[in-house]
Each structure stands twice: as structure tokens, then as C-alpha cells.
Amino acid sequence: MPGPMPLDGVVVADLSRVLAGPLAASTLADLGADVIKVERAASGDDTRQWGPPWTGNSSSYFESANRGKRSLGNRHPSIAPYEALDTGEGVLALAVGNDAQFARLCETVGDPDLAGDARFATNAQRVAHRDELAVALEARLRADTAASWAARLMDVGVPAGTIGSVADGFVLAERLGLDPRVPVDGGIDQIRSPLRFERTPIGRYVRPPRLDEHGDEIRRWLAAGPDPIGHAGGQSEGETRGNHG
């Protein structure tokens, strides 16, 4: 039976699309993280349609960069309103899970009668008429900003939040004490690796190489050939794998 993985218990929200971000998130899934891929409702990631070749699920392109994940469209398939809605400024994410929360939502946005509308009286009805519900809510939400609505709704027990930018993500990470920026030797600050290992922590970040910066050194190393135990240039394994320059 497989043992625990390095990222067991870590939840990752994969908001990326196409290749680079999805592939990176898939690597985290390989290491044991619970990676939730957030996709556009109905169409999903663009690469689901990038075929042929096709698999039984989608395109082989999509399959190659998204293994090990769980998928979550921006609309919950069986709860409403549980989606992202436009406001007067910014996008508001709502997660209204029951009738009482929905009634408080309607009261807060200034349309308490909406909760009694036959189309929206129960969750089943709200799911069946979700497009009409979204139009009605967005008409009210345009009166204020996403940040203001999120604060007011959370105050009355309605799960809501803003959808932030990358810069907002850094601010949140710093507020949580995650220290997301790291100095890079000889380069600009970059994003700290998400990998955490107690016995072998990442202690140094080195800038990317200049074109052919280590070319002569590597060519000499290759020309020297392997030593009797298989290490090129007669170096030990630790020397072979170490940083150069």
C-alpha cells in the first residue's frame, strides 16, 4: 500500500488554463495535493476542444496537463446561486447553500420579495431558473462594489467573496504569513516554491542562466567522459548535481 505523499492534505485551486499553469498544478497533484481545477461554465478549459486526437473524456492535449485533479465549473451544478456574478465594480463569488441564506441575500441586496418568487422559492427551483435568477441578482448588485457586497453579505452569514487579481493574491498571502516572495541570487525577486519539506527545505534560489553562460564548463565536463562508476567527468554524484556559477 502506498505511503503518505509530501503534499497530502494540501488543497490547491487551479485557476489556470491551457498549458503552463495546468501542468504545474498537475505536478502538485502527483505529489498528493487535492487540486481543484476551476473552469468556465459549460465550455471549460480551451484545451478540452483542442483535438484531434481525442480521448474518451476530452482532447489528448487537455489530458496531458490535467491528470489527478477535480473539476469545478464557476456554477455549482446542483446549488443556486453558487457562482460568480458581476457587480458595479468587480466580480462577486456567491455560495448560497440553503433557503435561509438565500432569503438573507435577497434582503441584503434590497429585494426581499425575490425569496418568495415561485421560481426561486426552493433550491430546486433556483437551479431550474438559474439564468433568470442571475439576471435579477446582477441588476441589484450593480448598485455597489464586489468588495462592499462581500463584506455586507458575510456580516449576515451569506458566504461571499471577491475574485481578486494576482496582486490581491500576494496581499492575501502576506497577510496570512506565507511570505510568497523570495530573493533570488543575482536576479529579481520571484515566487517562493509551494513545496515544503521539513528535512530538506529549499534554502537558496538562483537566477536563470544567461544564454550559454555555463557552456564551456558543461562541454569540458561532458568531454571528460564518465568515471568508472558512471559519473561524467570523474565527479561524485553530489558534485554532478550541484549548482555551477
Protein backbone atom coordinates (compact mmCIF):
# COMPACT_ATOMS: atom_id res chain seq x y z
CA MET A 1 0.00 0.00 0.00
CA PRO A 2 1.47 3.42 -0.95
CA GLY A 3 2.68 5.59 1.91
CA PRO A 4 1.75 9.25 2.52
CA MET A 5 2.65 11.77 -0.15
CA PRO A 6 4.55 15.05 0.50
CA LEU A 7 1.51 17.25 -0.22
CA ASP A 8 -1.20 15.11 1.41
CA GLY A 9 -3.80 17.40 2.98
CA VAL A 10 -2.88 20.43 0.84
CA VAL A 11 -5.72 21.88 -1.27
CA VAL A 12 -4.77 23.79 -4.43
CA ALA A 13 -7.16 25.91 -6.52
CA ASP A 14 -6.02 25.70 -10.15
CA LEU A 15 -7.40 28.82 -11.88
CA SER A 16 -5.05 28.50 -14.85
CA ARG A 17 -5.77 27.37 -18.39
CA VAL A 18 -4.09 25.90 -21.48
CA LEU A 19 -0.61 24.54 -20.58
CA ALA A 20 1.93 26.08 -18.21
CA GLY A 21 -0.29 26.58 -15.15
CA PRO A 22 -2.26 23.35 -15.58
CA LEU A 23 0.94 21.32 -15.96
CA ALA A 24 2.41 22.88 -12.82
CA ALA A 25 -0.79 22.15 -10.88
CA SER A 26 -0.76 18.58 -12.18
CA THR A 27 2.71 18.16 -10.69
CA LEU A 28 1.29 19.20 -7.31
CA ALA A 29 -1.44 16.59 -7.74
CA ASP A 30 1.25 13.98 -8.41
CA LEU A 31 2.76 14.93 -5.06
CA GLY A 32 -0.51 14.30 -3.24
CA ALA A 33 -2.26 17.68 -3.27
CA ASP A 34 -6.02 17.89 -3.78
CA VAL A 35 -6.04 20.05 -6.92
CA ILE A 36 -9.39 21.60 -7.84
CA LYS A 37 -9.48 22.87 -11.41
CA VAL A 38 -11.82 25.85 -11.71
CA GLU A 39 -13.15 26.17 -15.26
CA ARG A 40 -15.61 28.30 -17.19
CA ALA A 41 -19.16 27.02 -17.04
CA ALA A 42 -20.20 24.78 -19.94
CA SER A 43 -17.05 25.15 -22.10
CA GLY A 44 -14.29 24.60 -19.55
CA ASP A 45 -10.59 24.92 -20.37
CA ASP A 46 -9.96 25.84 -24.02
CA THR A 47 -7.79 22.76 -24.49
CA ARG A 48 -10.70 20.39 -23.90
CA GLN A 49 -11.60 21.19 -27.53
CA TRP A 50 -8.06 21.04 -28.94
CA GLY A 51 -8.26 17.84 -30.95
CA PRO A 52 -7.84 15.51 -32.61
CA PRO A 53 -6.56 13.31 -31.16
CA TRP A 54 -9.40 12.71 -28.72
CA THR A 55 -9.77 10.51 -25.66
CA GLY A 56 -12.98 9.19 -24.15
CA ASN A 57 -13.06 12.30 -21.93
CA SER A 58 -11.71 15.23 -23.98
CA SER A 59 -8.63 16.04 -26.08
CA SER A 60 -5.30 14.33 -25.52
CA TYR A 61 -3.80 17.82 -25.12
CA PHE A 62 -6.07 18.52 -22.15
CA GLU A 63 -5.47 15.07 -20.67
CA SER A 64 -1.68 15.53 -20.77
CA ALA A 65 -1.71 18.56 -18.45
CA ASN A 66 -4.60 17.91 -16.07
CA ARG A 67 -4.26 14.48 -14.51
CA GLY A 68 -5.05 13.95 -10.84
CA LYS A 69 -7.41 16.94 -10.49
CA ARG A 70 -11.04 17.51 -9.63
CA SER A 71 -13.08 19.86 -11.84
CA LEU A 72 -15.34 22.68 -10.69
CA GLY A 73 -17.22 24.83 -13.16
CA ASN A 74 -17.91 28.53 -11.99
CA ARG A 75 -21.55 27.45 -11.42
CA HIS A 76 -22.30 24.66 -9.00
CA PRO A 77 -24.32 22.03 -10.91
CA SER A 78 -26.89 21.46 -8.14
CA ILE A 79 -26.95 24.62 -5.98
CA ALA A 80 -28.02 28.17 -6.88
CA PRO A 81 -26.97 30.89 -6.59
CA TYR A 82 -23.48 29.36 -6.30
CA GLU A 83 -21.46 31.22 -8.91
CA ALA A 84 -19.64 34.43 -9.86
CA LEU A 85 -21.79 37.49 -10.60
CA ASP A 86 -20.98 40.96 -11.92
CA THR A 87 -21.40 43.98 -9.65
CA GLY A 88 -20.98 47.72 -10.07
CA GLU A 89 -17.23 47.14 -9.73
CA GLY A 90 -15.64 43.71 -9.77
CA VAL A 91 -16.95 40.17 -9.65
CA LEU A 92 -18.65 38.67 -6.59
CA ALA A 93 -18.48 34.95 -5.80
CA LEU A 94 -21.61 33.64 -4.05
CA ALA A 95 -22.05 30.27 -2.34
CA VAL A 96 -25.66 30.26 -1.13
CA GLY A 97 -26.34 26.80 0.22
CA ASN A 98 -29.86 26.93 1.68
CA ASP A 99 -33.15 28.82 1.65
CA ALA A 100 -32.37 30.83 4.78
CA GLN A 101 -29.14 32.13 3.25
CA PHE A 102 -30.99 32.97 0.06
CA ALA A 103 -33.58 34.98 2.00
CA ARG A 104 -30.80 36.94 3.71
CA LEU A 105 -29.14 37.53 0.36
CA CYS A 106 -32.36 38.95 -1.10
CA GLU A 107 -32.88 41.16 1.96
CA THR A 108 -29.31 42.48 1.80
CA VAL A 109 -29.44 43.36 -1.89
CA GLY A 110 -32.71 45.20 -1.36
CA ASP A 111 -35.17 42.79 -2.96
CA PRO A 112 -36.73 40.66 -0.18
CA ASP A 113 -39.68 39.69 -2.41
CA LEU A 114 -37.28 37.74 -4.63
CA ALA A 115 -37.10 34.99 -2.00
CA GLY A 116 -40.86 34.46 -2.29
CA ASP A 117 -40.89 34.32 -6.08
CA ALA A 118 -42.17 30.87 -7.09
CA ARG A 119 -39.23 30.48 -9.49
CA PHE A 120 -36.74 30.88 -6.65
CA ALA A 121 -38.57 29.63 -3.54
CA THR A 122 -36.53 26.41 -3.23
CA ASN A 123 -33.08 25.38 -4.33
CA ALA A 124 -34.53 23.04 -6.95
CA GLN A 125 -36.48 25.93 -8.45
CA ARG A 126 -33.47 28.24 -8.32
CA VAL A 127 -31.36 25.68 -10.19
CA ALA A 128 -34.10 25.28 -12.81
CA HIS A 129 -34.25 29.08 -13.29
CA ARG A 130 -30.64 29.98 -12.56
CA ASP A 131 -30.21 32.23 -15.62
CA GLU A 132 -33.24 34.34 -14.65
CA LEU A 133 -32.00 34.45 -11.05
CA ALA A 134 -28.56 35.64 -12.12
CA VAL A 135 -30.10 38.46 -14.16
CA ALA A 136 -32.27 39.55 -11.22
CA LEU A 137 -29.37 39.49 -8.76
CA GLU A 138 -26.91 41.29 -11.03
CA ALA A 139 -29.46 44.07 -11.53
CA ARG A 140 -29.32 44.68 -7.76
CA LEU A 141 -25.59 44.03 -7.36
CA ARG A 142 -24.72 46.81 -9.82
CA ALA A 143 -25.57 49.30 -7.08
CA ASP A 144 -22.30 48.66 -5.23
CA THR A 145 -18.85 47.13 -5.50
CA ALA A 146 -17.96 43.47 -5.10
CA ALA A 147 -15.86 44.26 -2.02
CA SER A 148 -18.72 46.11 -0.35
CA TRP A 149 -21.25 43.38 -1.13
CA ALA A 150 -18.89 40.67 0.12
CA ALA A 151 -18.45 42.43 3.46
CA ARG A 152 -22.18 43.09 3.90
CA LEU A 153 -23.18 39.54 2.97
CA MET A 154 -20.59 37.90 5.19
CA ASP A 155 -21.85 40.05 8.07
CA VAL A 156 -25.28 38.38 7.74
CA GLY A 157 -23.95 34.88 7.25
CA VAL A 158 -24.10 34.59 3.48
CA PRO A 159 -20.88 33.09 2.06
CA ALA A 160 -19.46 35.57 -0.45
CA GLY A 161 -16.13 36.92 -1.58
CA THR A 162 -14.37 38.91 -4.25
CA ILE A 163 -12.42 37.42 -7.14
CA GLY A 164 -9.06 39.09 -6.92
CA SER A 165 -6.11 39.81 -9.18
CA VAL A 166 -2.66 38.26 -8.91
CA ALA A 167 -1.62 41.30 -6.85
CA ASP A 168 -4.54 40.66 -4.49
CA GLY A 169 -3.29 37.10 -4.11
CA PHE A 170 0.11 38.35 -2.94
CA VAL A 171 -1.50 40.70 -0.44
CA LEU A 172 -3.60 37.87 0.98
CA ALA A 173 -0.62 35.50 1.16
CA GLU A 174 1.42 38.11 3.01
CA ARG A 175 -1.45 38.79 5.40
CA LEU A 176 -1.58 35.06 6.14
CA GLY A 177 2.15 35.00 6.87
CA LEU A 178 3.01 32.81 3.87
CA ASP A 179 5.88 35.08 2.71
CA PRO A 180 5.30 34.47 -1.03
CA ARG A 181 8.24 36.50 -2.36
CA VAL A 182 11.82 35.26 -2.20
CA PRO A 183 15.11 36.95 -3.13
CA VAL A 184 16.94 35.27 -6.00
CA ASP A 185 20.74 35.35 -6.04
CA GLY A 186 21.78 37.67 -8.86
CA GLY A 187 18.23 38.28 -10.07
CA ILE A 188 14.87 39.79 -9.27
CA ASP A 189 12.55 38.56 -6.52
CA GLN A 190 10.40 35.61 -7.51
CA ILE A 191 7.57 33.47 -6.13
CA ARG A 192 8.50 31.09 -3.34
CA SER A 193 8.19 27.41 -4.19
CA PRO A 194 4.97 25.87 -2.81
CA LEU A 195 6.88 22.70 -1.88
CA ARG A 196 7.70 22.32 1.83
CA PHE A 197 9.91 19.53 3.16
CA GLU A 198 10.89 19.56 6.82
CA ARG A 199 14.17 17.68 6.45
CA THR A 200 15.26 19.14 3.11
CA PRO A 201 13.87 22.69 2.84
CA ILE A 202 14.62 24.81 -0.20
CA GLY A 203 17.26 27.18 1.11
CA ARG A 204 18.51 29.04 -1.95
CA TYR A 205 17.03 30.41 -5.16
CA VAL A 206 19.37 31.10 -8.07
CA ARG A 207 18.63 33.29 -11.07
CA PRO A 208 18.03 31.72 -14.51
CA PRO A 209 21.25 31.34 -16.57
CA ARG A 210 22.30 33.70 -19.32
CA LEU A 211 22.42 32.12 -22.76
CA ASP A 212 25.38 29.68 -22.87
CA GLU A 213 26.62 31.06 -19.53
CA HIS A 214 27.93 27.66 -18.45
CA GLY A 215 28.53 26.29 -21.96
CA ASP A 216 32.31 25.92 -21.78
CA GLU A 217 32.15 24.39 -18.33
CA ILE A 218 29.50 21.85 -19.32
CA ARG A 219 31.25 20.93 -22.57
CA ARG A 220 34.50 20.26 -20.67
CA TRP A 221 32.54 18.17 -18.21
CA LEU A 222 30.94 16.15 -20.98
CA ALA A 223 34.23 15.70 -22.86
CA ALA A 224 35.91 14.25 -19.77
CA GLY A 225 33.65 11.20 -20.03
CA PRO A 226 32.26 9.02 -17.22
CA ASP A 227 34.33 7.75 -14.33
CA PRO A 228 34.31 4.00 -13.55
CA ILE A 229 31.08 4.26 -11.53
CA GLY A 230 29.19 6.21 -14.15
CA HIS A 231 29.63 9.88 -13.21
CA ALA A 232 30.63 12.17 -16.06
CA GLY A 233 33.96 13.93 -15.68
CA GLY A 234 35.02 11.87 -12.70
CA GLN A 235 32.83 13.86 -10.30
CA SER A 236 30.86 12.48 -7.40
CA GLU A 237 27.07 12.40 -7.61
CA GLY A 238 26.78 15.38 -5.26
CA GLU A 239 29.24 17.42 -7.36
CA THR A 240 27.49 16.46 -10.57
CA ARG A 241 24.13 17.61 -9.27
CA GLY A 242 25.33 20.80 -7.60
CA ASN A 243 24.91 24.38 -8.80
CA HIS A 244 27.52 25.86 -11.14
CA GLY A 245 28.17 29.57 -11.29
